[in-house]
């Protein structure tokens, strides 16, 4: 084998050196490197689990916020409806109040008109009595032909208007 270039003592020395190097590298390099890779793998796994947990918590909080937002919108709509209802109620009350005031005003105005009419009628009756007496006096003093009768009526009415304007 030496003819092929193998030298047995050198081959054994190389194998022995390789074995010692392999043992030293395994003990001092390969195991620490594997340990560091395992720790890194464990850290990555923990980080991914933490990220999943945070994502789930975030989703739960988002769902809670959405629920709170929906509830707030419902409360807002309820408040708006209550305000709208109160405004309509107030408007109806004011409308009824105005209607009652208008009706009271109309009743008062009718009563005032009726009182004024009654007063005017009383005044007319009291003045008509005086006019009738005055006309009767003049009739007695004259004969009753048509022209005289017309003159008496015109005279009585004229006296009534002049008496009326003098009193005012």
Protein backbone atom coordinates (compact mmCIF):
# COMPACT_ATOMS: atom_id res chain seq x y z
CA UNK A 1 0.00 0.00 0.00
CA UNK A 2 2.93 2.15 0.33
CA UNK A 3 3.19 1.92 -3.42
CA UNK A 4 -0.14 3.63 -3.65
CA UNK A 5 1.02 6.43 -1.37
CA UNK A 6 -0.54 5.31 1.84
CA UNK A 7 1.65 5.49 4.80
CA UNK A 8 -0.01 3.67 7.67
CA UNK A 9 1.50 5.50 10.56
CA UNK A 10 0.64 8.85 9.00
CA UNK A 11 -2.89 7.63 8.23
CA UNK A 12 -3.35 6.55 11.85
CA UNK A 13 -1.96 9.90 13.06
CA UNK A 14 -4.34 11.73 10.74
CA UNK A 15 -7.26 9.62 11.92
CA UNK A 16 -6.25 10.16 15.54
CA UNK A 17 -5.91 13.93 14.98
CA UNK A 18 -9.27 14.01 13.21
CA UNK A 19 -10.94 12.08 16.03
CA UNK A 20 -9.42 14.37 18.68
CA UNK A 21 -10.45 17.43 16.66
CA UNK A 22 -13.95 15.98 16.22
CA UNK A 23 -14.24 15.34 19.98
CA UNK A 24 -12.95 18.81 20.86
CA UNK A 25 -15.18 20.53 18.29
CA UNK A 26 -18.19 18.48 19.39
CA UNK A 27 -17.61 19.26 23.03
CA UNK A 28 -16.61 22.93 22.74
CA UNK A 29 -18.16 24.16 19.48
CA UNK A 30 -20.93 21.88 18.19
CA UNK A 31 -22.83 21.47 21.48
CA UNK A 32 -22.75 25.24 22.34
CA UNK A 33 -23.82 26.08 18.80
CA UNK A 34 -26.70 23.56 19.01
CA UNK A 35 -27.59 24.93 22.44
CA UNK A 36 -27.66 28.52 21.06
CA UNK A 37 -29.76 27.36 18.07
CA UNK A 38 -32.18 25.53 20.41
CA UNK A 39 -32.47 28.62 22.63
CA UNK A 40 -33.05 30.79 19.61
CA UNK A 41 -35.67 28.36 18.30
CA UNK A 42 -37.33 28.37 21.74
CA UNK A 43 -37.26 32.19 21.83
CA UNK A 44 -38.81 32.38 18.37
CA UNK A 45 -41.48 29.87 19.39
CA UNK A 46 -42.22 31.86 22.57
CA UNK A 47 -42.36 35.11 20.58
CA UNK A 48 -44.80 33.57 18.09
CA UNK A 49 -46.98 32.29 20.93
CA UNK A 50 -46.88 35.72 22.58
CA UNK A 51 -47.75 37.37 19.26
CA UNK A 52 -50.71 35.00 18.84
CA UNK A 53 -51.84 35.75 22.39
CA UNK A 54 -51.52 39.51 21.81
CA UNK A 55 -53.42 39.15 18.51
CA UNK A 56 -56.23 37.28 20.28
CA UNK A 57 -56.38 39.87 23.07
CA UNK A 58 -56.39 42.63 20.48
CA UNK A 59 -59.25 40.93 18.64
CA UNK A 60 -61.18 40.59 21.92
CA UNK A 61 -60.59 44.24 22.78
CA UNK A 62 -61.64 45.27 19.27
CA UNK A 63 -64.82 43.24 19.67
CA UNK A 64 -65.47 44.90 23.03
CA UNK A 65 -64.87 48.33 21.51
CA UNK A 66 -67.24 47.49 18.66
CA UNK A 67 -69.88 46.38 21.17
CA UNK A 68 -69.38 49.57 23.17
CA UNK A 69 -69.64 51.63 20.00
CA UNK A 70 -72.88 49.88 19.05
CA UNK A 71 -74.22 50.46 22.56
CA UNK A 72 -73.19 54.13 22.44
CA UNK A 73 -74.95 54.53 19.09
CA UNK A 74 -78.09 52.94 20.53
CA UNK A 75 -77.96 55.28 23.51
CA UNK A 76 -77.41 58.23 21.20
CA UNK A 77 -80.41 57.23 19.10
CA UNK A 78 -82.46 56.79 22.27
CA UNK A 79 -81.47 60.25 23.48
CA UNK A 80 -82.33 61.74 20.09
CA UNK A 81 -85.72 59.98 20.10
CA UNK A 82 -86.41 61.19 23.65
CA UNK A 83 -85.50 64.75 22.68
CA UNK A 84 -87.64 64.53 19.55
CA UNK A 85 -90.55 63.17 21.58
CA UNK A 86 -90.15 65.90 24.21
CA UNK A 87 -90.05 68.56 21.47
CA UNK A 88 -93.21 67.19 19.86
CA UNK A 89 -94.93 67.05 23.24
CA UNK A 90 -93.90 70.63 24.01
CA UNK A 91 -95.04 71.72 20.56
CA UNK A 92 -98.41 70.02 21.07
CA UNK A 93 -98.78 71.63 24.49
CA UNK A 94 -97.96 75.06 23.07
CA UNK A 95 -100.38 74.49 20.19
CA UNK A 96 -103.13 73.51 22.64
CA UNK A 97 -102.33 76.51 24.83
CA UNK A 98 -102.48 78.85 21.82
CA UNK A 99 -105.74 77.25 20.70
CA UNK A 100 -107.27 77.72 24.15
CA UNK A 101 -106.07 81.32 24.28
CA UNK A 102 -107.57 81.98 20.84
CA UNK A 103 -110.86 80.40 21.88
CA UNK A 104 -110.90 82.46 25.08
CA UNK A 105 -110.15 85.57 23.05
CA UNK A 106 -112.99 84.76 20.65
CA UNK A 107 -115.41 84.15 23.53
CA UNK A 108 -114.34 87.41 25.17
CA UNK A 109 -114.66 89.27 21.85
CA UNK A 110 -118.15 87.79 21.30
CA UNK A 111 -119.14 88.77 24.81
CA UNK A 112 -117.77 92.30 24.29
CA UNK A 113 -119.62 92.58 20.97
CA UNK A 114 -122.83 91.30 22.55
CA UNK A 115 -122.43 93.71 25.49
CA UNK A 116 -121.84 96.62 23.09
CA UNK A 117 -124.84 95.56 21.00
CA UNK A 118 -127.01 95.32 24.11
CA UNK A 119 -125.74 98.71 25.24
CA UNK A 120 -126.49 100.20 21.84
CA UNK A 121 -129.93 98.59 21.88
CA UNK A 122 -130.63 99.96 25.38
CA UNK A 123 -129.50 103.40 24.29
CA UNK A 124 -131.62 103.15 21.17
CA UNK A 125 -134.63 102.07 23.21
CA UNK A 126 -134.19 104.91 25.66
CA UNK A 127 -133.72 107.41 22.82
CA UNK A 128 -136.53 105.88 20.76
CA UNK A 129 -138.94 106.39 23.64
CA UNK A 130 -138.04 110.08 23.69
CA UNK A 131 -138.33 110.24 19.90
CA UNK A 132 -141.72 108.57 19.98
CA UNK A 133 -142.94 111.02 22.60
CA UNK A 134 -141.58 113.93 20.58
CA UNK A 135 -143.21 112.61 17.40
CA UNK A 136 -146.51 112.13 19.20
CA UNK A 137 -146.38 115.66 20.51
CA UNK A 138 -145.87 117.03 17.04
CA UNK A 139 -148.58 114.79 15.61
CA UNK A 140 -151.04 116.06 18.10
CA UNK A 141 -150.16 119.63 17.20
CA UNK A 142 -150.73 119.04 13.45
CA UNK A 143 -153.11 117.11 11.33
CA UNK A 144 -152.00 113.84 9.80
CA UNK A 145 -151.79 114.31 6.05
CA UNK A 146 -148.98 112.55 4.15
CA UNK A 147 -146.72 115.54 3.68
CA UNK A 148 -147.09 116.56 7.29
CA UNK A 149 -146.39 113.01 8.39
CA UNK A 150 -143.21 112.92 6.29
CA UNK A 151 -142.08 116.29 7.65
CA UNK A 152 -142.67 115.14 11.22
CA UNK A 153 -140.55 111.99 10.71
CA UNK A 154 -137.74 113.94 9.07
CA UNK A 155 -137.87 116.52 11.84
CA UNK A 156 -137.80 113.85 14.59
CA UNK A 157 -134.85 112.08 12.97
CA UNK A 158 -133.02 115.34 12.49
CA UNK A 159 -133.58 116.29 16.12
CA UNK A 160 -132.41 112.82 17.22
CA UNK A 161 -129.15 113.14 15.27
CA UNK A 162 -128.47 116.65 16.53
CA UNK A 163 -129.22 115.57 20.12
CA UNK A 164 -126.92 112.61 19.63
CA UNK A 165 -124.04 114.70 18.28
CA UNK A 166 -124.49 117.26 21.05
CA UNK A 167 -124.27 114.51 23.70
CA UNK A 168 -121.04 113.18 22.15
